[in-house]
Structure formats: structure tokens, C-alpha cells
């Protein structure tokens, strides 16, 4: 049996390094994971590429919210894809839907073609489509190489029945990667029950902020005034957690 490919979400160079040292296959590089992941800065892409030798897949998502984009946003995505290619990315991650929650095949295919020869993953925009089996055929029609899904549920474990169905339906046309809530404790059973050969995990651990002085003022949208607000929250990917996940699916 071939080794299960493990993709780790990275929001920093340190996370990318921890993922590689822990034995992961590649990273999905993004920013703003609390909003589902947005396009990382050019500086982060370049620094991460310089720090690791394995695959760097760059999120191409211009804003938070839905996945129905206007012409200006598509233009931004095209520019970000071109930039990611110049900076040495191995793949990109994207997803575009129509207002009726179906896959926008035409515009997604245009971005897939633009991204070549990089690999393309269609992300969890898929999980909010109106009809997942139909959406799978549509994603295949875009030419994407991989589909990231939780089976339309909050976690991949909850959606494992649908993921197994999608693996069967795909018939090798596209790789199905299970993601959301994947951890060492459930990864082996998830792989066994679904038949996926790729998994995606964030493995984020909250760490203590080094700030000694903390003001009850938020410069972001959180106006709670808590000294433990978002300005003092940090998350890291730990090498040992990645290694545990890798061992779990050996």
C-alpha cells in the first residue's frame, strides 16, 4: 500500500518548517486561517519557499466570505496565481462557485489553465455546493488535480460516508483529499473507512503570546475589550504533532 500523503496548513514559515521536519508531504500556505484561509503575501510565499524543500501549495482566495467572485476578484486571483508561479510554488488551491451554489466550471478551468504546469487543488468551496455528487463531476471537468473535502459536513469524520462515496464516484479521475478535523486519533480510521490516500490537517496549537503588557483594546473587529483578545492569540504547528499524524497512517 502506498504511503498516505499528508498536507499541513501553514500560516507561517515556522509552521512550514515544522511540517517538513515532521514528515508531511507538502503544505497549503495561506493567511487568515480563522476566516477559512486567504491568499498569503508575496513575502510569506517567497520565505516559505526558501525555507523548505517539499511542496508548497498556495491558497488563492482574495477575500473571506462566499466563493462567488466578481470580475475584479477574478483579476486579483489571476495576478496572484502568476505571482505564486514566479515565486516557486508547486501548486495552487482555489474554488469558484456560481450564485446557485454549483461549481463555476468555465472560470475555474481558466484559472487551472493559467496555473499550469502547477498542480491545482479545488478547496472546500466544494462542501457548500448544493449537490456534492454533481459538484464532483463539475470539479473533474475543470481539470483540477485534487479535491479537498469534508464530505459536506463540519468535519471529515462526520462526512466520512460521503467522502467514501466520492472516492468511488471519482474512479481515479481526481484525487480526493479528506480534510477538516483530521488528527492523529482519527486519521487511520478515516483513511480505512473512506479509501482516501491523501489527508489535510491544520494541527494548530495555541501558544502563549510573549507580550508582557496587554491593553484591553482590539485593533481588529473584535470589540470585546479582552486582554486575551485576538491580538494576544497565537497558533503554531508543532513538529511532534505532524510526526504523530504521519505515524498514525503508516
C-alpha atoms as a PDB file:
ATOM      1  CA  UNK A   1       0.000   0.000   0.000  1.00  0.00           C
ATOM      2  CA  UNK A   2       1.341   3.426  -0.939  1.00  0.00           C
ATOM      3  CA  UNK A   3       2.018   5.936   1.796  1.00  0.00           C
ATOM      4  CA  UNK A   4      -0.801   8.336   2.589  1.00  0.00           C
ATOM      5  CA  UNK A   5       0.058  11.883   1.515  1.00  0.00           C
ATOM      6  CA  UNK A   6      -0.271  14.412   4.323  1.00  0.00           C
ATOM      7  CA  UNK A   7      -0.854  18.100   3.662  1.00  0.00           C
ATOM      8  CA  UNK A   8      -0.448  20.515   6.574  1.00  0.00           C
ATOM      9  CA  UNK A   9      -1.908  24.007   6.640  1.00  0.00           C
ATOM     10  CA  UNK A  10       0.791  26.610   7.283  1.00  0.00           C
ATOM     11  CA  UNK A  11       0.315  30.286   8.064  1.00  0.00           C
ATOM     12  CA  UNK A  12       3.985  30.961   8.785  1.00  0.00           C
ATOM     13  CA  UNK A  13       7.476  29.955   7.809  1.00  0.00           C
ATOM     14  CA  UNK A  14       7.867  28.253  11.196  1.00  0.00           C
ATOM     15  CA  UNK A  15       4.790  26.125  10.504  1.00  0.00           C
ATOM     16  CA  UNK A  16       6.130  25.184   7.090  1.00  0.00           C
ATOM     17  CA  UNK A  17       9.436  24.079   8.598  1.00  0.00           C
ATOM     18  CA  UNK A  18       7.684  22.081  11.343  1.00  0.00           C
ATOM     19  CA  UNK A  19       5.520  20.334   8.749  1.00  0.00           C
ATOM     20  CA  UNK A  20       8.513  19.315   6.672  1.00  0.00           C
ATOM     21  CA  UNK A  21      10.565  18.135   9.645  1.00  0.00           C
ATOM     22  CA  UNK A  22       7.582  16.166  10.954  1.00  0.00           C
ATOM     23  CA  UNK A  23       7.332  14.183   7.741  1.00  0.00           C
ATOM     24  CA  UNK A  24       4.418  15.799   5.876  1.00  0.00           C
ATOM     25  CA  UNK A  25       4.227  15.616   2.095  1.00  0.00           C
ATOM     26  CA  UNK A  26       3.543  19.297   1.488  1.00  0.00           C
ATOM     27  CA  UNK A  27       1.889  22.408   2.905  1.00  0.00           C
ATOM     28  CA  UNK A  28      -1.085  24.511   1.987  1.00  0.00           C
ATOM     29  CA  UNK A  29       0.247  28.025   2.552  1.00  0.00           C
ATOM     30  CA  UNK A  30      -2.331  30.628   3.488  1.00  0.00           C
ATOM     31  CA  UNK A  31      -3.098  33.543   5.769  1.00  0.00           C
ATOM     32  CA  UNK A  32      -6.147  34.207   7.964  1.00  0.00           C
ATOM     33  CA  UNK A  33      -6.980  30.594   8.701  1.00  0.00           C
ATOM     34  CA  UNK A  34      -9.644  31.788  11.150  1.00  0.00           C
ATOM     35  CA  UNK A  35     -11.510  33.016   8.048  1.00  0.00           C
ATOM     36  CA  UNK A  36     -11.007  29.758   6.189  1.00  0.00           C
ATOM     37  CA  UNK A  37      -7.692  30.758   4.619  1.00  0.00           C
ATOM     38  CA  UNK A  38      -6.815  33.661   2.311  1.00  0.00           C
ATOM     39  CA  UNK A  39      -4.028  34.307  -0.171  1.00  0.00           C
ATOM     40  CA  UNK A  40      -0.688  34.701   1.641  1.00  0.00           C
ATOM     41  CA  UNK A  41       1.592  37.670   0.997  1.00  0.00           C
ATOM     42  CA  UNK A  42       4.360  37.549  -1.579  1.00  0.00           C
ATOM     43  CA  UNK A  43       6.859  37.813   1.236  1.00  0.00           C
ATOM     44  CA  UNK A  44       5.444  34.756   3.002  1.00  0.00           C
ATOM     45  CA  UNK A  45       5.398  32.708  -0.204  1.00  0.00           C
ATOM     46  CA  UNK A  46       8.989  33.605  -1.011  1.00  0.00           C
ATOM     47  CA  UNK A  47      10.240  33.000   2.540  1.00  0.00           C
ATOM     48  CA  UNK A  48       8.431  29.673   2.871  1.00  0.00           C
ATOM     49  CA  UNK A  49       9.751  28.517  -0.498  1.00  0.00           C
ATOM     50  CA  UNK A  50      13.286  29.357   0.613  1.00  0.00           C
ATOM     51  CA  UNK A  51      12.866  27.549   3.961  1.00  0.00           C
ATOM     52  CA  UNK A  52      11.520  24.172   2.794  1.00  0.00           C
ATOM     53  CA  UNK A  53      12.268  21.722   0.008  1.00  0.00           C
ATOM     54  CA  UNK A  54       8.924  19.927  -0.190  1.00  0.00           C
ATOM     55  CA  UNK A  55       5.709  21.002  -1.890  1.00  0.00           C
ATOM     56  CA  UNK A  56       4.296  24.486  -1.300  1.00  0.00           C
ATOM     57  CA  UNK A  57       0.688  24.871  -2.406  1.00  0.00           C
ATOM     58  CA  UNK A  58      -0.552  28.461  -2.255  1.00  0.00           C
ATOM     59  CA  UNK A  59      -4.114  29.409  -1.386  1.00  0.00           C
ATOM     60  CA  UNK A  60      -5.684  31.687  -3.999  1.00  0.00           C
ATOM     61  CA  UNK A  61      -8.647  33.284  -2.251  1.00  0.00           C
ATOM     62  CA  UNK A  62      -8.922  37.090  -2.436  1.00  0.00           C
ATOM     63  CA  UNK A  63     -11.345  37.613   0.441  1.00  0.00           C
ATOM     64  CA  UNK A  64     -13.334  35.924   3.170  1.00  0.00           C
ATOM     65  CA  UNK A  65     -16.995  35.063   2.745  1.00  0.00           C
ATOM     66  CA  UNK A  66     -18.626  33.232  -0.133  1.00  0.00           C
ATOM     67  CA  UNK A  67     -16.888  31.796  -3.193  1.00  0.00           C
ATOM     68  CA  UNK A  68     -18.803  33.721  -5.850  1.00  0.00           C
ATOM     69  CA  UNK A  69     -16.362  36.271  -7.254  1.00  0.00           C
ATOM     70  CA  UNK A  70     -16.795  39.333  -9.470  1.00  0.00           C
ATOM     71  CA  UNK A  71     -14.562  40.266 -12.403  1.00  0.00           C
ATOM     72  CA  UNK A  72     -12.242  42.383 -10.251  1.00  0.00           C
ATOM     73  CA  UNK A  73     -11.712  39.495  -7.821  1.00  0.00           C
ATOM     74  CA  UNK A  74     -11.021  37.062 -10.657  1.00  0.00           C
ATOM     75  CA  UNK A  75      -8.420  39.510 -11.945  1.00  0.00           C
ATOM     76  CA  UNK A  76      -6.792  39.529  -8.498  1.00  0.00           C
ATOM     77  CA  UNK A  77      -6.782  35.718  -8.454  1.00  0.00           C
ATOM     78  CA  UNK A  78      -5.134  35.621 -11.881  1.00  0.00           C
ATOM     79  CA  UNK A  79      -2.427  38.015 -10.700  1.00  0.00           C
ATOM     80  CA  UNK A  80      -1.876  36.008  -7.514  1.00  0.00           C
ATOM     81  CA  UNK A  81      -1.551  32.771  -9.481  1.00  0.00           C
ATOM     82  CA  UNK A  82       1.056  34.360 -11.738  1.00  0.00           C
ATOM     83  CA  UNK A  83       2.924  35.644  -8.689  1.00  0.00           C
ATOM     84  CA  UNK A  84       2.833  32.263  -6.935  1.00  0.00           C
ATOM     85  CA  UNK A  85       4.296  30.638 -10.046  1.00  0.00           C
ATOM     86  CA  UNK A  86       7.123  33.186 -10.201  1.00  0.00           C
ATOM     87  CA  UNK A  87       7.916  32.660  -6.530  1.00  0.00           C
ATOM     88  CA  UNK A  88       8.340  28.921  -6.902  1.00  0.00           C
ATOM     89  CA  UNK A  89       5.058  27.422  -5.682  1.00  0.00           C
ATOM     90  CA  UNK A  90       4.393  23.795  -6.585  1.00  0.00           C
ATOM     91  CA  UNK A  91       0.635  24.135  -6.673  1.00  0.00           C
ATOM     92  CA  UNK A  92      -2.306  26.396  -6.006  1.00  0.00           C
ATOM     93  CA  UNK A  93      -5.561  25.942  -4.109  1.00  0.00           C
ATOM     94  CA  UNK A  94      -8.777  27.599  -5.259  1.00  0.00           C
ATOM     95  CA  UNK A  95     -12.518  27.271  -5.765  1.00  0.00           C
ATOM     96  CA  UNK A  96     -15.178  29.300  -7.559  1.00  0.00           C
ATOM     97  CA  UNK A  97     -18.948  28.817  -7.300  1.00  0.00           C
ATOM     98  CA  UNK A  98     -21.949  30.260  -9.096  1.00  0.00           C
ATOM     99  CA  UNK A  99     -24.790  32.006  -7.215  1.00  0.00           C
ATOM    100  CA  UNK A 100     -26.812  28.770  -7.314  1.00  0.00           C
ATOM    101  CA  UNK A 101     -24.024  27.016  -5.345  1.00  0.00           C
ATOM    102  CA  UNK A 102     -22.818  24.974  -8.308  1.00  0.00           C
ATOM    103  CA  UNK A 103     -19.198  24.860  -9.441  1.00  0.00           C
ATOM    104  CA  UNK A 104     -18.259  27.612 -11.887  1.00  0.00           C
ATOM    105  CA  UNK A 105     -16.639  25.256 -14.373  1.00  0.00           C
ATOM    106  CA  UNK A 106     -15.674  27.787 -17.020  1.00  0.00           C
ATOM    107  CA  UNK A 107     -13.949  30.337 -14.806  1.00  0.00           C
ATOM    108  CA  UNK A 108     -12.301  27.661 -12.671  1.00  0.00           C
ATOM    109  CA  UNK A 109     -10.965  25.943 -15.784  1.00  0.00           C
ATOM    110  CA  UNK A 110      -9.493  29.260 -16.944  1.00  0.00           C
ATOM    111  CA  UNK A 111      -7.583  29.589 -13.667  1.00  0.00           C
ATOM    112  CA  UNK A 112      -6.495  25.950 -13.788  1.00  0.00           C
ATOM    113  CA  UNK A 113      -5.095  26.503 -17.286  1.00  0.00           C
ATOM    114  CA  UNK A 114      -3.339  29.669 -16.120  1.00  0.00           C
ATOM    115  CA  UNK A 115      -1.767  27.787 -13.211  1.00  0.00           C
ATOM    116  CA  UNK A 116      -0.192  25.066 -15.343  1.00  0.00           C
ATOM    117  CA  UNK A 117       2.238  23.371 -15.018  1.00  0.00           C
ATOM    118  CA  UNK A 118       1.468  23.709 -11.280  1.00  0.00           C
ATOM    119  CA  UNK A 119      -0.962  21.264  -9.690  1.00  0.00           C
ATOM    120  CA  UNK A 120      -4.375  22.598  -8.683  1.00  0.00           C
ATOM    121  CA  UNK A 121      -6.496  21.668  -5.682  1.00  0.00           C
ATOM    122  CA  UNK A 122     -10.187  22.613  -5.589  1.00  0.00           C
ATOM    123  CA  UNK A 123     -10.770  23.540  -1.951  1.00  0.00           C
ATOM    124  CA  UNK A 124     -13.694  23.234   0.442  1.00  0.00           C
ATOM    125  CA  UNK A 125     -15.882  25.606  -1.519  1.00  0.00           C
ATOM    126  CA  UNK A 126     -16.974  22.184  -2.765  1.00  0.00           C
ATOM    127  CA  UNK A 127     -18.519  21.411   0.629  1.00  0.00           C
ATOM    128  CA  UNK A 128     -21.045  24.245   0.339  1.00  0.00           C
ATOM    129  CA  UNK A 129     -22.272  23.270  -3.113  1.00  0.00           C
ATOM    130  CA  UNK A 130     -25.920  22.298  -3.477  1.00  0.00           C
ATOM    131  CA  UNK A 131     -25.274  18.774  -4.788  1.00  0.00           C
ATOM    132  CA  UNK A 132     -21.939  17.157  -3.901  1.00  0.00           C
ATOM    133  CA  UNK A 133     -22.013  14.201  -6.346  1.00  0.00           C
ATOM    134  CA  UNK A 134     -22.865  16.542  -9.211  1.00  0.00           C
ATOM    135  CA  UNK A 135     -20.236  19.014  -7.995  1.00  0.00           C
ATOM    136  CA  UNK A 136     -17.587  16.283  -8.104  1.00  0.00           C
ATOM    137  CA  UNK A 137     -18.211  15.726 -11.811  1.00  0.00           C
ATOM    138  CA  UNK A 138     -18.055  19.502 -12.319  1.00  0.00           C
ATOM    139  CA  UNK A 139     -14.734  19.776 -10.480  1.00  0.00           C
ATOM    140  CA  UNK A 140     -13.370  16.981 -12.652  1.00  0.00           C
ATOM    141  CA  UNK A 141     -14.468  18.990 -15.696  1.00  0.00           C
ATOM    142  CA  UNK A 142     -12.367  21.958 -14.563  1.00  0.00           C
ATOM    143  CA  UNK A 143      -9.183  19.922 -14.921  1.00  0.00           C
ATOM    144  CA  UNK A 144      -8.226  20.247 -11.242  1.00  0.00           C
ATOM    145  CA  UNK A 145      -5.917  17.547  -9.917  1.00  0.00           C
ATOM    146  CA  UNK A 146      -7.285  17.220  -6.400  1.00  0.00           C
ATOM    147  CA  UNK A 147     -10.415  17.866  -4.369  1.00  0.00           C
ATOM    148  CA  UNK A 148     -10.297  18.797  -0.685  1.00  0.00           C
ATOM    149  CA  UNK A 149     -13.499  17.884   1.135  1.00  0.00           C
ATOM    150  CA  UNK A 150     -15.055  17.112   4.487  1.00  0.00           C
ATOM    151  CA  UNK A 151     -17.917  15.340   2.747  1.00  0.00           C
ATOM    152  CA  UNK A 152     -20.114  18.384   3.187  1.00  0.00           C
ATOM    153  CA  UNK A 153     -20.013  18.157   6.973  1.00  0.00           C
ATOM    154  CA  UNK A 154     -18.238  20.155   9.676  1.00  0.00           C
ATOM    155  CA  UNK A 155     -15.502  17.539   9.948  1.00  0.00           C
ATOM    156  CA  UNK A 156     -14.202  14.834   7.656  1.00  0.00           C
ATOM    157  CA  UNK A 157     -15.030  12.214  10.272  1.00  0.00           C
ATOM    158  CA  UNK A 158     -18.687  13.283  10.281  1.00  0.00           C
ATOM    159  CA  UNK A 159     -18.675  13.301   6.473  1.00  0.00           C
ATOM    160  CA  UNK A 160     -16.759  10.057   6.031  1.00  0.00           C
ATOM    161  CA  UNK A 161     -19.703   8.267   4.412  1.00  0.00           C
ATOM    162  CA  UNK A 162     -19.982  10.892   1.700  1.00  0.00           C
ATOM    163  CA  UNK A 163     -16.206  11.009   1.263  1.00  0.00           C
ATOM    164  CA  UNK A 164     -16.180   7.251   0.657  1.00  0.00           C
ATOM    165  CA  UNK A 165     -18.953   7.702  -1.909  1.00  0.00           C
ATOM    166  CA  UNK A 166     -16.964  10.456  -3.656  1.00  0.00           C
ATOM    167  CA  UNK A 167     -13.837   8.297  -3.790  1.00  0.00           C
ATOM    168  CA  UNK A 168     -15.847   5.569  -5.525  1.00  0.00           C
ATOM    169  CA  UNK A 169     -17.505   8.031  -7.883  1.00  0.00           C
ATOM    170  CA  UNK A 170     -14.208   9.693  -8.808  1.00  0.00           C
ATOM    171  CA  UNK A 171     -12.869   6.433 -10.310  1.00  0.00           C
ATOM    172  CA  UNK A 172      -9.356   7.843 -10.329  1.00  0.00           C
ATOM    173  CA  UNK A 173     -10.284  10.943 -12.344  1.00  0.00           C
ATOM    174  CA  UNK A 174      -9.224  13.198  -9.486  1.00  0.00           C
ATOM    175  CA  UNK A 175      -7.536  12.684  -6.107  1.00  0.00           C
ATOM    176  CA  UNK A 176      -9.888  13.029  -3.135  1.00  0.00           C
ATOM    177  CA  UNK A 177      -8.254  14.545  -0.046  1.00  0.00           C
ATOM    178  CA  UNK A 178     -10.110  14.410   3.279  1.00  0.00           C
ATOM    179  CA  UNK A 179      -9.799  17.477   5.478  1.00  0.00           C
ATOM    180  CA  UNK A 180     -11.270  19.286   8.498  1.00  0.00           C
ATOM    181  CA  UNK A 181     -10.847  17.963  11.997  1.00  0.00           C
ATOM    182  CA  UNK A 182      -8.271  15.382  10.939  1.00  0.00           C
ATOM    183  CA  UNK A 183      -5.931  14.453  13.790  1.00  0.00           C
ATOM    184  CA  UNK A 184      -3.737  11.547  14.878  1.00  0.00           C
ATOM    185  CA  UNK A 185      -6.585   9.990  16.861  1.00  0.00           C
ATOM    186  CA  UNK A 186      -8.936   9.577  13.893  1.00  0.00           C
ATOM    187  CA  UNK A 187      -6.713   9.647  10.804  1.00  0.00           C
ATOM    188  CA  UNK A 188      -6.142   5.898  10.459  1.00  0.00           C
ATOM    189  CA  UNK A 189      -9.827   5.048  10.770  1.00  0.00           C
ATOM    190  CA  UNK A 190     -10.744   7.865   8.388  1.00  0.00           C
ATOM    191  CA  UNK A 191      -8.392   6.537   5.732  1.00  0.00           C
ATOM    192  CA  UNK A 192      -9.642   2.974   6.236  1.00  0.00           C
ATOM    193  CA  UNK A 193     -13.335   3.891   6.040  1.00  0.00           C
ATOM    194  CA  UNK A 194     -13.125   6.299   3.095  1.00  0.00           C
ATOM    195  CA  UNK A 195     -10.373   4.905   0.910  1.00  0.00           C
ATOM    196  CA  UNK A 196      -8.642   8.288   0.574  1.00  0.00           C
ATOM    197  CA  UNK A 197      -4.895   8.331   0.057  1.00  0.00           C
ATOM    198  CA  UNK A 198      -4.482  11.989   0.992  1.00  0.00           C
ATOM    199  CA  UNK A 199      -5.385  13.879   4.157  1.00  0.00           C
ATOM    200  CA  UNK A 200      -5.264  17.546   5.099  1.00  0.00           C
ATOM    201  CA  UNK A 201      -4.841  18.887   8.634  1.00  0.00           C
ATOM    202  CA  UNK A 202      -4.150  22.155  10.413  1.00  0.00           C
ATOM    203  CA  UNK A 203      -2.871  20.723  13.731  1.00  0.00           C
ATOM    204  CA  UNK A 204      -2.841  24.216  15.220  1.00  0.00           C
ATOM    205  CA  UNK A 205      -1.750  24.573  18.833  1.00  0.00           C
ATOM    206  CA  UNK A 206      -2.406  27.719  20.841  1.00  0.00           C
ATOM    207  CA  UNK A 207       0.792  29.186  22.255  1.00  0.00           C
ATOM    208  CA  UNK A 208       1.435  31.934  24.771  1.00  0.00           C
ATOM    209  CA  UNK A 209       1.968  35.431  23.411  1.00  0.00           C
ATOM    210  CA  UNK A 210       5.292  36.945  24.531  1.00  0.00           C
ATOM    211  CA  UNK A 211       3.619  40.304  25.172  1.00  0.00           C
ATOM    212  CA  UNK A 212       4.085  41.365  28.794  1.00  0.00           C
ATOM    213  CA  UNK A 213       1.921  44.459  28.616  1.00  0.00           C
ATOM    214  CA  UNK A 214      -1.613  43.850  27.397  1.00  0.00           C
ATOM    215  CA  UNK A 215      -4.100  46.605  26.711  1.00  0.00           C
ATOM    216  CA  UNK A 216      -7.832  45.987  26.704  1.00  0.00           C
ATOM    217  CA  UNK A 217      -8.234  47.328  23.201  1.00  0.00           C
ATOM    218  CA  UNK A 218      -8.733  45.456  19.962  1.00  0.00           C
ATOM    219  CA  UNK A 219      -7.481  46.955  16.719  1.00  0.00           C
ATOM    220  CA  UNK A 220      -9.495  44.396  14.757  1.00  0.00           C
ATOM    221  CA  UNK A 221     -13.197  43.641  14.500  1.00  0.00           C
ATOM    222  CA  UNK A 222     -13.361  42.002  17.945  1.00  0.00           C
ATOM    223  CA  UNK A 223     -14.504  44.791  20.279  1.00  0.00           C
ATOM    224  CA  UNK A 224     -14.805  42.676  23.405  1.00  0.00           C
ATOM    225  CA  UNK A 225     -12.003  44.579  25.091  1.00  0.00           C
ATOM    226  CA  UNK A 226     -10.492  41.387  26.466  1.00  0.00           C
ATOM    227  CA  UNK A 227      -6.799  41.306  27.342  1.00  0.00           C
ATOM    228  CA  UNK A 228      -6.868  37.791  25.873  1.00  0.00           C
ATOM    229  CA  UNK A 229      -8.347  39.000  22.580  1.00  0.00           C
ATOM    230  CA  UNK A 230      -7.090  38.192  19.066  1.00  0.00           C
ATOM    231  CA  UNK A 231      -4.060  40.489  19.397  1.00  0.00           C
ATOM    232  CA  UNK A 232      -2.732  38.140  22.065  1.00  0.00           C
ATOM    233  CA  UNK A 233      -3.645  34.837  20.440  1.00  0.00           C
ATOM    234  CA  UNK A 234      -1.002  32.856  18.607  1.00  0.00           C
ATOM    235  CA  UNK A 235      -1.096  29.461  16.965  1.00  0.00           C
ATOM    236  CA  UNK A 236       1.720  27.163  15.927  1.00  0.00           C
ATOM    237  CA  UNK A 237       2.214  23.855  14.163  1.00  0.00           C
ATOM    238  CA  UNK A 238       4.375  21.556  16.256  1.00  0.00           C
ATOM    239  CA  UNK A 239       6.760  19.145  14.597  1.00  0.00           C
ATOM    240  CA  UNK A 240       5.849  16.379  17.051  1.00  0.00           C
ATOM    241  CA  UNK A 241       2.150  16.691  16.189  1.00  0.00           C
ATOM    242  CA  UNK A 242       2.904  16.332  12.493  1.00  0.00           C
ATOM    243  CA  UNK A 243       5.050  13.296  13.205  1.00  0.00           C
ATOM    244  CA  UNK A 244       2.249  11.703  15.246  1.00  0.00           C
ATOM    245  CA  UNK A 245      -0.163  12.187  12.361  1.00  0.00           C
ATOM    246  CA  UNK A 246       2.311  10.666   9.917  1.00  0.00           C
ATOM    247  CA  UNK A 247       2.852   7.664  12.180  1.00  0.00           C
ATOM    248  CA  UNK A 248      -0.896   7.202  12.582  1.00  0.00           C
ATOM    249  CA  UNK A 249      -1.393   6.474   8.885  1.00  0.00           C
ATOM    250  CA  UNK A 250       1.769   4.453   8.187  1.00  0.00           C
END
